[in-house]
Amino acid sequence: MKNLLLIGCFVCVQILSAQVSDFKTINFTRADNIAQLNKGEKLDNLPVLAYNLTHKLNTDAEKFRAIYSWVCNNIKGDLNQDQKVSKYRKKYKNDSLTFKAWNDQYKTIAFKTLFKRKKTMCSGYAYLINQLCFLANIESKIINGYGRSANTNTDTLQIANHAWNVVKLNNKWYLCDATWSSGYFLNDIFINDYNLGYFLTDPKLFRQNHYPLNTQWLLDNNSNNNAFVASPIVYGATFKHQILTTSPSKLYTNVKKNNTITFSFDTFKPIKKEQISLVYFSGGNLKSLKIFDLNIQGQSIAFKHLFKTEGWHDVHLKINNDIVATYTIQVMTE
């Protein structure tokens, strides 16, 4: 499994469609090509790098795309840094001031690694995006907050564990996460897997696994931290397929034996019935669960599964070959 490390449906769909279409008229091919032409460039002269990435492009959106694409494809995740920070975050979980002091000091080491070896963690990705944007005269900010993944399932909002960016384009703020766009770790090895699902992401999609310390940067007034910590786990593929989970709305759900649960989600890319499945792991193997009453109405999709066996069950929503959401179901005695 790849990892790193709701209002009414009609209104939700309308807002999301409008967000996605903001840059449909822009062809980012030239920006992506420029980023590719500068592949492997060093970080010892950021003004020159920013100039080379942006000076031939006409719009801020294209310039930002070149910057974002270059960072995601040239900077690697550093598992050692990430594990060290996680270790100290747990150590000082009840002392946020001590952790902040330690983390501020450790950033000096982290930034040296970024500039010398082009390896970093989330704060380094966010810093580099922010610096290159500044040099290209594009307004951006670093956002600190909470990120949820299979490895960092945030049950309570205590010490922030993730960083990302907002960027201002055409007088409007947009969300992006270069860390999770860049790739993932498999058996402790970083795999570069450029995922554009985290590029200028709609706030309603982004909030599925991001929650900022300053709630202004949710860019969405219909979100709250209780819903965030309780929601299902989602993955990079969730954003690639532009999936917004709607039901169950929580990671943990109870159901009585021989009763059904309805699973539903909104999607903003065309999906066929045969692409949808509900699966579970057994002995390391992926197996399918029987689903029925699968119904597609526009961008909203729903289906059911009958739970017959008591106990705890981790089940996963799968689109094609990608797991996009995980739910933990407790099946109780009738």
C-alpha atoms as a PDB file:
ATOM      1  CA  MET A   1       0.000   0.000   0.000  1.00  0.00           C
ATOM      2  CA  LYS A   2       1.487   3.325  -0.990  1.00  0.00           C
ATOM      3  CA  ASN A   3       1.923   5.789   1.794  1.00  0.00           C
ATOM      4  CA  LEU A   4       4.342   8.355   3.205  1.00  0.00           C
ATOM      5  CA  LEU A   5       5.603   8.355   5.277  1.00  0.00           C
ATOM      6  CA  LEU A   6     -19.745  17.601   4.339  1.00  0.00           C
ATOM      7  CA  ILE A   7     -22.610  19.515   3.423  1.00  0.00           C
ATOM      8  CA  GLY A   8     -25.366  18.464   1.005  1.00  0.00           C
ATOM      9  CA  CYS A   9     -24.082  16.522  -1.994  1.00  0.00           C
ATOM     10  CA  PHE A  10     -25.415  18.890  -4.651  1.00  0.00           C
ATOM     11  CA  VAL A  11     -23.813  21.982  -3.140  1.00  0.00           C
ATOM     12  CA  CYS A  12     -20.566  20.106  -2.464  1.00  0.00           C
ATOM     13  CA  VAL A  13     -20.276  18.908  -6.045  1.00  0.00           C
ATOM     14  CA  GLN A  14     -20.942  22.373  -7.464  1.00  0.00           C
ATOM     15  CA  ILE A  15     -18.241  24.012  -5.337  1.00  0.00           C
ATOM     16  CA  LEU A  16     -15.680  21.312  -6.091  1.00  0.00           C
ATOM     17  CA  SER A  17     -16.277  21.464  -9.815  1.00  0.00           C
ATOM     18  CA  ALA A  18     -15.733  25.220  -9.761  1.00  0.00           C
ATOM     19  CA  GLN A  19     -12.430  24.810  -7.902  1.00  0.00           C
ATOM     20  CA  VAL A  20     -11.104  22.182 -10.271  1.00  0.00           C
ATOM     21  CA  SER A  21     -11.901  24.294 -13.331  1.00  0.00           C
ATOM     22  CA  ASP A  22      -9.948  27.354 -12.169  1.00  0.00           C
ATOM     23  CA  PHE A  23      -6.930  26.473 -14.308  1.00  0.00           C
ATOM     24  CA  LYS A  24      -8.454  24.289 -16.999  1.00  0.00           C
ATOM     25  CA  THR A  25      -7.641  26.874 -19.646  1.00  0.00           C
ATOM     26  CA  ILE A  26      -3.929  26.766 -18.819  1.00  0.00           C
ATOM     27  CA  ASN A  27      -1.679  24.228 -20.506  1.00  0.00           C
ATOM     28  CA  PHE A  28       1.058  23.347 -18.020  1.00  0.00           C
ATOM     29  CA  THR A  29       3.106  21.339 -20.541  1.00  0.00           C
ATOM     30  CA  ARG A  30       5.657  24.108 -21.079  1.00  0.00           C
ATOM     31  CA  ALA A  31       6.103  24.589 -17.339  1.00  0.00           C
ATOM     32  CA  ASP A  32       6.582  20.850 -16.822  1.00  0.00           C
ATOM     33  CA  ASN A  33       9.094  20.714 -19.698  1.00  0.00           C
ATOM     34  CA  ILE A  34      11.112  23.580 -18.213  1.00  0.00           C
ATOM     35  CA  ALA A  35      11.196  21.790 -14.864  1.00  0.00           C
ATOM     36  CA  GLN A  36      12.419  18.657 -16.633  1.00  0.00           C
ATOM     37  CA  LEU A  37      15.121  20.585 -18.532  1.00  0.00           C
ATOM     38  CA  ASN A  38      16.467  21.807 -15.189  1.00  0.00           C
ATOM     39  CA  LYS A  39      16.442  18.365 -13.610  1.00  0.00           C
ATOM     40  CA  GLY A  40      19.415  17.766 -11.334  1.00  0.00           C
ATOM     41  CA  GLU A  41      20.276  21.431 -10.792  1.00  0.00           C
ATOM     42  CA  LYS A  42      21.899  22.193  -7.448  1.00  0.00           C
ATOM     43  CA  LEU A  43      20.480  24.324  -4.644  1.00  0.00           C
ATOM     44  CA  ASP A  44      23.561  26.466  -4.102  1.00  0.00           C
ATOM     45  CA  ASN A  45      22.058  29.436  -5.983  1.00  0.00           C
ATOM     46  CA  LEU A  46      18.292  29.638  -5.490  1.00  0.00           C
ATOM     47  CA  PRO A  47      17.841  32.989  -7.331  1.00  0.00           C
ATOM     48  CA  VAL A  48      19.349  31.474 -10.496  1.00  0.00           C
ATOM     49  CA  LEU A  49      17.251  28.326 -10.135  1.00  0.00           C
ATOM     50  CA  ALA A  50      14.053  30.362  -9.654  1.00  0.00           C
ATOM     51  CA  TYR A  51      14.923  32.498 -12.697  1.00  0.00           C
ATOM     52  CA  ASN A  52      15.653  29.475 -14.894  1.00  0.00           C
ATOM     53  CA  LEU A  53      12.388  27.827 -13.886  1.00  0.00           C
ATOM     54  CA  THR A  54      10.127  30.846 -14.413  1.00  0.00           C
ATOM     55  CA  HIS A  55      11.480  33.596 -16.683  1.00  0.00           C
ATOM     56  CA  LYS A  56      10.134  32.078 -19.924  1.00  0.00           C
ATOM     57  CA  LEU A  57       6.610  31.613 -18.523  1.00  0.00           C
ATOM     58  CA  ASN A  58       3.832  34.189 -18.743  1.00  0.00           C
ATOM     59  CA  THR A  59       1.494  33.521 -15.808  1.00  0.00           C
ATOM     60  CA  ASP A  60       2.055  33.013 -12.097  1.00  0.00           C
ATOM     61  CA  ALA A  61       0.151  29.721 -12.306  1.00  0.00           C
ATOM     62  CA  GLU A  62       2.628  28.382 -14.893  1.00  0.00           C
ATOM     63  CA  LYS A  63       5.600  29.707 -12.925  1.00  0.00           C
ATOM     64  CA  PHE A  64       4.353  28.051  -9.776  1.00  0.00           C
ATOM     65  CA  ARG A  65       3.754  24.806 -11.655  1.00  0.00           C
ATOM     66  CA  ALA A  66       7.382  24.783 -12.838  1.00  0.00           C
ATOM     67  CA  ILE A  67       8.632  25.424  -9.295  1.00  0.00           C
ATOM     68  CA  TYR A  68       6.344  22.788  -7.810  1.00  0.00           C
ATOM     69  CA  SER A  69       7.166  20.190 -10.446  1.00  0.00           C
ATOM     70  CA  TRP A  70      10.908  20.745 -10.042  1.00  0.00           C
ATOM     71  CA  VAL A  71      10.812  20.433  -6.244  1.00  0.00           C
ATOM     72  CA  CYS A  72       8.660  17.296  -6.298  1.00  0.00           C
ATOM     73  CA  ASN A  73      10.893  15.571  -8.856  1.00  0.00           C
ATOM     74  CA  ASN A  74      14.306  16.641  -7.561  1.00  0.00           C
ATOM     75  CA  ILE A  75      14.007  16.474  -3.768  1.00  0.00           C
ATOM     76  CA  LYS A  76      13.849  13.139  -1.985  1.00  0.00           C
ATOM     77  CA  GLY A  77      12.180  12.299   1.285  1.00  0.00           C
ATOM     78  CA  ASP A  78      14.546  11.618   4.192  1.00  0.00           C
ATOM     79  CA  LEU A  79      13.242   8.793   6.361  1.00  0.00           C
ATOM     80  CA  ASN A  80      15.985   9.200   8.984  1.00  0.00           C
ATOM     81  CA  GLN A  81      15.019  12.825   9.575  1.00  0.00           C
ATOM     82  CA  ASP A  82      11.351  11.973   9.679  1.00  0.00           C
ATOM     83  CA  GLN A  83      11.871   9.138  12.179  1.00  0.00           C
ATOM     84  CA  LYS A  84      14.069  11.290  14.400  1.00  0.00           C
ATOM     85  CA  VAL A  85      11.514  14.093  14.524  1.00  0.00           C
ATOM     86  CA  SER A  86       8.740  11.563  15.199  1.00  0.00           C
ATOM     87  CA  LYS A  87      10.784  10.093  18.058  1.00  0.00           C
ATOM     88  CA  TYR A  88      11.225  13.459  19.752  1.00  0.00           C
ATOM     89  CA  ARG A  89       7.641  14.466  19.053  1.00  0.00           C
ATOM     90  CA  LYS A  90       6.512  11.423  21.036  1.00  0.00           C
ATOM     91  CA  LYS A  91       9.100  12.061  23.739  1.00  0.00           C
ATOM     92  CA  TYR A  92       7.875  15.616  24.272  1.00  0.00           C
ATOM     93  CA  LYS A  93       4.210  15.032  23.483  1.00  0.00           C
ATOM     94  CA  ASN A  94       3.237  16.596  26.818  1.00  0.00           C
ATOM     95  CA  ASP A  95       5.734  19.442  26.537  1.00  0.00           C
ATOM     96  CA  SER A  96       5.170  21.306  23.279  1.00  0.00           C
ATOM     97  CA  LEU A  97       7.521  24.173  24.204  1.00  0.00           C
ATOM     98  CA  THR A  98      10.478  21.824  24.734  1.00  0.00           C
ATOM     99  CA  PHE A  99       9.713  20.031  21.486  1.00  0.00           C
ATOM    100  CA  LYS A 100       9.518  23.340  19.607  1.00  0.00           C
ATOM    101  CA  ALA A 101      12.909  24.388  21.003  1.00  0.00           C
ATOM    102  CA  TRP A 102      14.461  21.063  19.987  1.00  0.00           C
ATOM    103  CA  ASN A 103      12.808  21.167  16.564  1.00  0.00           C
ATOM    104  CA  ASP A 104      13.963  24.738  15.880  1.00  0.00           C
ATOM    105  CA  GLN A 105      17.526  23.701  16.634  1.00  0.00           C
ATOM    106  CA  TYR A 106      17.276  20.530  14.524  1.00  0.00           C
ATOM    107  CA  LYS A 107      16.069  22.522  11.492  1.00  0.00           C
ATOM    108  CA  THR A 108      19.637  23.822  11.032  1.00  0.00           C
ATOM    109  CA  ILE A 109      20.846  20.256  10.454  1.00  0.00           C
ATOM    110  CA  ALA A 110      17.844  19.447   8.288  1.00  0.00           C
ATOM    111  CA  PHE A 111      18.384  22.432   5.992  1.00  0.00           C
ATOM    112  CA  LYS A 112      22.067  21.532   5.540  1.00  0.00           C
ATOM    113  CA  THR A 113      20.989  18.077   4.395  1.00  0.00           C
ATOM    114  CA  LEU A 114      18.451  19.637   2.025  1.00  0.00           C
ATOM    115  CA  PHE A 115      20.987  21.919   0.333  1.00  0.00           C
ATOM    116  CA  LYS A 116      23.843  19.415   0.202  1.00  0.00           C
ATOM    117  CA  ARG A 117      22.042  16.161  -0.544  1.00  0.00           C
ATOM    118  CA  LYS A 118      18.614  17.324  -1.751  1.00  0.00           C
ATOM    119  CA  LYS A 119      16.942  15.162   0.888  1.00  0.00           C
ATOM    120  CA  THR A 120      14.473  16.486   3.434  1.00  0.00           C
ATOM    121  CA  MET A 121      11.220  16.100   5.346  1.00  0.00           C
ATOM    122  CA  CYS A 122       8.002  18.098   5.052  1.00  0.00           C
ATOM    123  CA  SER A 123       9.373  21.309   6.550  1.00  0.00           C
ATOM    124  CA  GLY A 124      12.192  21.308   3.988  1.00  0.00           C
ATOM    125  CA  TYR A 125       9.821  20.812   1.062  1.00  0.00           C
ATOM    126  CA  ALA A 126       7.587  23.628   2.315  1.00  0.00           C
ATOM    127  CA  TYR A 127      10.566  25.922   2.922  1.00  0.00           C
ATOM    128  CA  LEU A 128      11.995  25.353  -0.563  1.00  0.00           C
ATOM    129  CA  ILE A 129       8.634  25.966  -2.262  1.00  0.00           C
ATOM    130  CA  ASN A 130       8.261  29.166  -0.253  1.00  0.00           C
ATOM    131  CA  GLN A 131      11.747  30.457  -1.082  1.00  0.00           C
ATOM    132  CA  LEU A 132      11.490  29.794  -4.808  1.00  0.00           C
ATOM    133  CA  CYS A 133       8.072  31.462  -4.884  1.00  0.00           C
ATOM    134  CA  PHE A 134       9.475  34.523  -3.113  1.00  0.00           C
ATOM    135  CA  LEU A 135      12.271  34.768  -5.668  1.00  0.00           C
ATOM    136  CA  ALA A 136       9.718  34.467  -8.496  1.00  0.00           C
ATOM    137  CA  ASN A 137       7.576  37.211  -6.913  1.00  0.00           C
ATOM    138  CA  ILE A 138       4.742  34.795  -6.117  1.00  0.00           C
ATOM    139  CA  GLU A 139       3.075  35.099  -2.720  1.00  0.00           C
ATOM    140  CA  SER A 140       3.114  31.906  -0.678  1.00  0.00           C
ATOM    141  CA  LYS A 141       3.171  30.758   2.934  1.00  0.00           C
ATOM    142  CA  ILE A 142       4.302  27.747   4.946  1.00  0.00           C
ATOM    143  CA  ILE A 143       1.406  26.125   6.804  1.00  0.00           C
ATOM    144  CA  ASN A 144       2.050  23.975   9.870  1.00  0.00           C
ATOM    145  CA  GLY A 145      -0.510  21.509  11.103  1.00  0.00           C
ATOM    146  CA  TYR A 146      -1.544  17.884  11.216  1.00  0.00           C
ATOM    147  CA  GLY A 147      -1.250  15.286   8.474  1.00  0.00           C
ATOM    148  CA  ARG A 148      -2.992  11.925   8.632  1.00  0.00           C
ATOM    149  CA  SER A 149      -1.731   8.854   6.804  1.00  0.00           C
ATOM    150  CA  ALA A 150      -1.549   5.128   7.459  1.00  0.00           C
ATOM    151  CA  ASN A 151       1.686   5.764   9.376  1.00  0.00           C
ATOM    152  CA  THR A 152       0.679   8.996  11.124  1.00  0.00           C
ATOM    153  CA  ASN A 153      -2.922   8.440  12.156  1.00  0.00           C
ATOM    154  CA  THR A 154      -3.546  11.554  14.251  1.00  0.00           C
ATOM    155  CA  ASP A 155      -6.134  10.639  16.894  1.00  0.00           C
ATOM    156  CA  THR A 156      -5.769  13.884  18.824  1.00  0.00           C
ATOM    157  CA  LEU A 157      -4.484  17.293  17.780  1.00  0.00           C
ATOM    158  CA  GLN A 158      -1.502  17.854  20.077  1.00  0.00           C
ATOM    159  CA  ILE A 159       1.878  18.643  18.487  1.00  0.00           C
ATOM    160  CA  ALA A 160       1.838  19.510  14.771  1.00  0.00           C
ATOM    161  CA  ASN A 161       3.403  16.795  12.601  1.00  0.00           C
ATOM    162  CA  HIS A 162       3.303  18.156   9.046  1.00  0.00           C
ATOM    163  CA  ALA A 163       3.939  21.227   6.891  1.00  0.00           C
ATOM    164  CA  TRP A 164       2.663  22.296   3.479  1.00  0.00           C
ATOM    165  CA  ASN A 165       2.075  25.492   1.475  1.00  0.00           C
ATOM    166  CA  VAL A 166      -0.563  27.905   0.318  1.00  0.00           C
ATOM    167  CA  VAL A 167       0.077  29.964  -2.813  1.00  0.00           C
ATOM    168  CA  LYS A 168      -1.744  33.050  -4.067  1.00  0.00           C
ATOM    169  CA  LEU A 169      -2.664  32.961  -7.759  1.00  0.00           C
ATOM    170  CA  ASN A 170      -5.034  35.428  -9.411  1.00  0.00           C
ATOM    171  CA  ASN A 171      -5.765  36.928  -5.974  1.00  0.00           C
ATOM    172  CA  LYS A 172      -6.941  33.590  -4.595  1.00  0.00           C
ATOM    173  CA  TRP A 173      -5.245  31.212  -2.161  1.00  0.00           C
ATOM    174  CA  TYR A 174      -4.650  27.570  -3.129  1.00  0.00           C
ATOM    175  CA  LEU A 175      -3.414  24.558  -1.175  1.00  0.00           C
ATOM    176  CA  CYS A 176      -0.585  22.225  -2.123  1.00  0.00           C
ATOM    177  CA  ASP A 177       1.657  19.621  -0.496  1.00  0.00           C
ATOM    178  CA  ALA A 178       4.981  18.995  -2.252  1.00  0.00           C
ATOM    179  CA  THR A 179       6.002  16.366   0.315  1.00  0.00           C
ATOM    180  CA  TRP A 180       3.172  14.013  -0.478  1.00  0.00           C
ATOM    181  CA  SER A 181       3.272  14.922  -4.175  1.00  0.00           C
ATOM    182  CA  SER A 182       6.889  13.817  -4.412  1.00  0.00           C
ATOM    183  CA  GLY A 183       6.528  10.148  -3.561  1.00  0.00           C
ATOM    184  CA  TYR A 184       6.397   7.617  -0.754  1.00  0.00           C
ATOM    185  CA  PHE A 185       8.526   5.176   1.216  1.00  0.00           C
ATOM    186  CA  LEU A 186       8.533   1.455   0.423  1.00  0.00           C
ATOM    187  CA  ASN A 187      10.634  -0.788   2.677  1.00  0.00           C
ATOM    188  CA  ASP A 188      12.431   2.338   3.946  1.00  0.00           C
ATOM    189  CA  ILE A 189      13.388   3.361   0.398  1.00  0.00           C
ATOM    190  CA  PHE A 190      12.054   6.595  -1.064  1.00  0.00           C
ATOM    191  CA  ILE A 191      10.166   6.052  -4.318  1.00  0.00           C
ATOM    192  CA  ASN A 192       9.696   9.138  -6.470  1.00  0.00           C
ATOM    193  CA  ASP A 193       6.084   9.034  -7.667  1.00  0.00           C
ATOM    194  CA  TYR A 194       4.914  12.494  -8.725  1.00  0.00           C
ATOM    195  CA  ASN A 195       1.287  12.847  -7.642  1.00  0.00           C
ATOM    196  CA  LEU A 196      -0.460  15.954  -8.993  1.00  0.00           C
ATOM    197  CA  GLY A 197      -3.430  15.288  -6.744  1.00  0.00           C
ATOM    198  CA  TYR A 198      -1.829  17.538  -4.120  1.00  0.00           C
ATOM    199  CA  PHE A 199      -1.257  20.435  -6.565  1.00  0.00           C
ATOM    200  CA  LEU A 200      -3.735  23.318  -6.083  1.00  0.00           C
ATOM    201  CA  THR A 201      -6.089  20.888  -4.376  1.00  0.00           C
ATOM    202  CA  ASP A 202      -9.676  21.754  -3.609  1.00  0.00           C
ATOM    203  CA  PRO A 203     -10.002  22.505   0.147  1.00  0.00           C
ATOM    204  CA  LYS A 204     -12.724  19.884   0.611  1.00  0.00           C
ATOM    205  CA  LEU A 205     -10.409  17.213  -0.740  1.00  0.00           C
ATOM    206  CA  PHE A 206      -7.348  18.552   1.062  1.00  0.00           C
ATOM    207  CA  ARG A 207      -9.008  18.587   4.476  1.00  0.00           C
ATOM    208  CA  GLN A 208      -9.359  14.789   4.341  1.00  0.00           C
ATOM    209  CA  ASN A 209      -5.787  14.445   5.610  1.00  0.00           C
ATOM    210  CA  HIS A 210      -4.592  18.003   6.392  1.00  0.00           C
ATOM    211  CA  TYR A 211      -5.605  20.239   9.294  1.00  0.00           C
ATOM    212  CA  PRO A 212      -3.723  23.526   9.897  1.00  0.00           C
ATOM    213  CA  LEU A 213      -2.872  25.061  13.265  1.00  0.00           C
ATOM    214  CA  ASN A 214      -4.432  28.283  11.982  1.00  0.00           C
ATOM    215  CA  THR A 215      -7.882  27.279  10.753  1.00  0.00           C
ATOM    216  CA  GLN A 216      -7.933  30.257   8.376  1.00  0.00           C
ATOM    217  CA  TRP A 217      -5.849  28.054   6.070  1.00  0.00           C
ATOM    218  CA  LEU A 218      -8.472  25.373   5.811  1.00  0.00           C
ATOM    219  CA  LEU A 219      -9.884  27.669   3.100  1.00  0.00           C
ATOM    220  CA  ASP A 220     -13.147  25.910   3.911  1.00  0.00           C
ATOM    221  CA  ASN A 221     -15.629  27.019   6.575  1.00  0.00           C
ATOM    222  CA  ASN A 222     -17.362  23.631   6.767  1.00  0.00           C
ATOM    223  CA  SER A 223     -14.579  21.689   8.463  1.00  0.00           C
ATOM    224  CA  ASN A 224     -13.754  21.050  12.120  1.00  0.00           C
ATOM    225  CA  ASN A 225     -11.042  19.214  14.010  1.00  0.00           C
ATOM    226  CA  ASN A 226     -13.408  16.594  15.469  1.00  0.00           C
ATOM    227  CA  ALA A 227     -14.405  15.452  11.988  1.00  0.00           C
ATOM    228  CA  PHE A 228     -10.751  15.443  10.917  1.00  0.00           C
ATOM    229  CA  VAL A 229      -9.431  13.157  13.664  1.00  0.00           C
ATOM    230  CA  ALA A 230     -12.397  10.782  13.316  1.00  0.00           C
ATOM    231  CA  SER A 231     -12.456  10.508   9.513  1.00  0.00           C
ATOM    232  CA  PRO A 232     -11.354   7.492   7.440  1.00  0.00           C
ATOM    233  CA  ILE A 233      -7.706   7.162   6.415  1.00  0.00           C
ATOM    234  CA  VAL A 234      -7.060   8.306   2.847  1.00  0.00           C
ATOM    235  CA  TYR A 235      -4.007   7.960   0.616  1.00  0.00           C
ATOM    236  CA  GLY A 236      -2.158   9.607  -2.240  1.00  0.00           C
ATOM    237  CA  ALA A 237      -4.312   7.700  -4.712  1.00  0.00           C
ATOM    238  CA  THR A 238      -7.371   9.366  -3.156  1.00  0.00           C
ATOM    239  CA  PHE A 239      -6.118  12.656  -4.548  1.00  0.00           C
ATOM    240  CA  LYS A 240      -4.990  11.186  -7.847  1.00  0.00           C
ATOM    241  CA  HIS A 241      -8.547   9.935  -8.418  1.00  0.00           C
ATOM    242  CA  GLN A 242     -10.075  13.046  -6.758  1.00  0.00           C
ATOM    243  CA  ILE A 243     -12.162  11.031  -4.305  1.00  0.00           C
ATOM    244  CA  LEU A 244     -14.124  12.666  -1.484  1.00  0.00           C
ATOM    245  CA  THR A 245     -15.292  10.042   1.029  1.00  0.00           C
ATOM    246  CA  THR A 246     -18.764  10.657   2.455  1.00  0.00           C
ATOM    247  CA  SER A 247     -19.924   7.458   4.212  1.00  0.00           C
ATOM    248  CA  PRO A 248     -18.998   6.069   6.622  1.00  0.00           C
ATOM    249  CA  SER A 249     -17.837   9.469   7.811  1.00  0.00           C
ATOM    250  CA  LYS A 250     -15.648   7.972  10.550  1.00  0.00           C
ATOM    251  CA  LEU A 251     -12.681   5.616  10.586  1.00  0.00           C
ATOM    252  CA  TYR A 252     -14.298   3.480  13.309  1.00  0.00           C
ATOM    253  CA  THR A 253     -17.855   2.273  12.712  1.00  0.00           C
ATOM    254  CA  ASN A 254     -20.026  -0.249  14.570  1.00  0.00           C
ATOM    255  CA  VAL A 255     -22.539  -2.564  12.932  1.00  0.00           C
ATOM    256  CA  LYS A 256     -24.543  -5.534  14.177  1.00  0.00           C
ATOM    257  CA  LYS A 257     -23.849  -8.948  12.695  1.00  0.00           C
ATOM    258  CA  ASN A 258     -25.786  -9.651   9.447  1.00  0.00           C
ATOM    259  CA  ASN A 259     -26.405  -5.957   8.870  1.00  0.00           C
ATOM    260  CA  THR A 260     -25.221  -3.804   6.004  1.00  0.00           C
ATOM    261  CA  ILE A 261     -23.142  -0.640   5.808  1.00  0.00           C
ATOM    262  CA  THR A 262     -23.475   1.814   2.957  1.00  0.00           C
ATOM    263  CA  PHE A 263     -20.188   3.084   1.555  1.00  0.00           C
ATOM    264  CA  SER A 264     -20.344   6.263  -0.505  1.00  0.00           C
ATOM    265  CA  PHE A 265     -18.050   8.837  -2.030  1.00  0.00           C
ATOM    266  CA  ASP A 266     -17.996  11.659  -4.561  1.00  0.00           C
ATOM    267  CA  THR A 267     -15.627  11.514  -7.491  1.00  0.00           C
ATOM    268  CA  PHE A 268     -14.625  14.210  -9.918  1.00  0.00           C
ATOM    269  CA  LYS A 269     -13.237  11.922 -12.581  1.00  0.00           C
ATOM    270  CA  PRO A 270     -15.387   9.423 -14.508  1.00  0.00           C
ATOM    271  CA  ILE A 271     -15.435   6.000 -12.805  1.00  0.00           C
ATOM    272  CA  LYS A 272     -17.082   2.805 -14.060  1.00  0.00           C
ATOM    273  CA  LYS A 273     -18.748   0.260 -11.800  1.00  0.00           C
ATOM    274  CA  GLU A 274     -16.165  -2.408 -12.579  1.00  0.00           C
ATOM    275  CA  GLN A 275     -13.395  -0.133 -11.276  1.00  0.00           C
ATOM    276  CA  ILE A 276     -14.851  -0.074  -7.749  1.00  0.00           C
ATOM    277  CA  SER A 277     -14.250  -2.737  -5.109  1.00  0.00           C
ATOM    278  CA  LEU A 278     -14.140  -3.264  -1.351  1.00  0.00           C
ATOM    279  CA  VAL A 279     -11.178  -5.348  -0.180  1.00  0.00           C
ATOM    280  CA  TYR A 280      -9.364  -6.647   2.894  1.00  0.00           C
ATOM    281  CA  PHE A 281      -5.990  -8.231   3.658  1.00  0.00           C
ATOM    282  CA  SER A 282      -5.767 -11.863   4.716  1.00  0.00           C
ATOM    283  CA  GLY A 283      -2.373 -13.458   5.325  1.00  0.00           C
ATOM    284  CA  GLY A 284      -0.727 -10.700   3.314  1.00  0.00           C
ATOM    285  CA  ASN A 285      -3.042 -11.282   0.358  1.00  0.00           C
ATOM    286  CA  LEU A 286      -5.655  -8.835  -0.892  1.00  0.00           C
ATOM    287  CA  LYS A 287      -9.158 -10.318  -1.128  1.00  0.00           C
ATOM    288  CA  SER A 288     -12.432  -8.881  -2.381  1.00  0.00           C
ATOM    289  CA  LEU A 289     -15.627  -8.443  -0.385  1.00  0.00           C
ATOM    290  CA  LYS A 290     -19.019  -8.817  -1.996  1.00  0.00           C
ATOM    291  CA  ILE A 291     -20.723  -5.507  -2.717  1.00  0.00           C
ATOM    292  CA  PHE A 292     -24.246  -4.892  -3.981  1.00  0.00           C
ATOM    293  CA  ASP A 293     -26.698  -2.098  -4.837  1.00  0.00           C
ATOM    294  CA  LEU A 294     -23.862  -0.191  -6.488  1.00  0.00           C
ATOM    295  CA  ASN A 295     -25.368   3.031  -7.760  1.00  0.00           C
ATOM    296  CA  ILE A 296     -23.757   5.891  -9.677  1.00  0.00           C
ATOM    297  CA  GLN A 297     -25.662   9.167  -9.831  1.00  0.00           C
ATOM    298  CA  GLY A 298     -23.565  11.839 -11.460  1.00  0.00           C
ATOM    299  CA  GLN A 299     -20.512  12.319  -9.261  1.00  0.00           C
ATOM    300  CA  SER A 300     -21.949  10.439  -6.260  1.00  0.00           C
ATOM    301  CA  ILE A 301     -21.347   6.697  -5.908  1.00  0.00           C
ATOM    302  CA  ALA A 302     -22.733   4.324  -3.260  1.00  0.00           C
ATOM    303  CA  PHE A 303     -22.782   0.593  -2.584  1.00  0.00           C
ATOM    304  CA  LYS A 304     -23.453  -1.801   0.305  1.00  0.00           C
ATOM    305  CA  HIS A 305     -21.749  -4.723   2.034  1.00  0.00           C
ATOM    306  CA  LEU A 306     -23.295  -7.246   4.448  1.00  0.00           C
ATOM    307  CA  PHE A 307     -21.095  -7.963   7.477  1.00  0.00           C
ATOM    308  CA  LYS A 308     -21.537 -11.559   8.664  1.00  0.00           C
ATOM    309  CA  THR A 309     -18.502 -12.181  10.897  1.00  0.00           C
ATOM    310  CA  GLU A 310     -18.090 -10.733  14.389  1.00  0.00           C
ATOM    311  CA  GLY A 311     -14.969  -8.850  15.381  1.00  0.00           C
ATOM    312  CA  TRP A 312     -12.837  -6.019  14.018  1.00  0.00           C
ATOM    313  CA  HIS A 313     -12.383  -5.683  10.260  1.00  0.00           C
ATOM    314  CA  ASP A 314     -10.139  -3.307   8.294  1.00  0.00           C
ATOM    315  CA  VAL A 315     -11.751  -2.799   4.895  1.00  0.00           C
ATOM    316  CA  HIS A 316     -10.452  -0.686   2.035  1.00  0.00           C
ATOM    317  CA  LEU A 317     -12.152   1.155  -0.795  1.00  0.00           C
ATOM    318  CA  LYS A 318     -10.291   0.371  -4.010  1.00  0.00           C
ATOM    319  CA  ILE A 319     -10.423   2.168  -7.379  1.00  0.00           C
ATOM    320  CA  ASN A 320      -8.724   0.154 -10.125  1.00  0.00           C
ATOM    321  CA  ASN A 321      -5.471  -1.001  -8.475  1.00  0.00           C
ATOM    322  CA  ASP A 322      -5.362   1.791  -5.901  1.00  0.00           C
ATOM    323  CA  ILE A 323      -6.569   1.749  -2.310  1.00  0.00           C
ATOM    324  CA  VAL A 324      -8.112   5.164  -1.663  1.00  0.00           C
ATOM    325  CA  ALA A 325      -9.671   4.845   1.811  1.00  0.00           C
ATOM    326  CA  THR A 326      -9.565   2.609   4.882  1.00  0.00           C
ATOM    327  CA  TYR A 327     -12.342   1.957   7.410  1.00  0.00           C
ATOM    328  CA  THR A 328     -12.257  -0.095  10.623  1.00  0.00           C
ATOM    329  CA  ILE A 329     -15.553  -1.879  11.231  1.00  0.00           C
ATOM    330  CA  GLN A 330     -16.557  -3.540  14.499  1.00  0.00           C
ATOM    331  CA  VAL A 331     -19.153  -6.238  13.882  1.00  0.00           C
ATOM    332  CA  MET A 332     -21.085  -6.948  17.090  1.00  0.00           C
ATOM    333  CA  THR A 333     -23.441  -9.694  18.234  1.00  0.00           C
ATOM    334  CA  GLU A 334     -27.006  -9.308  16.951  1.00  0.00           C
END
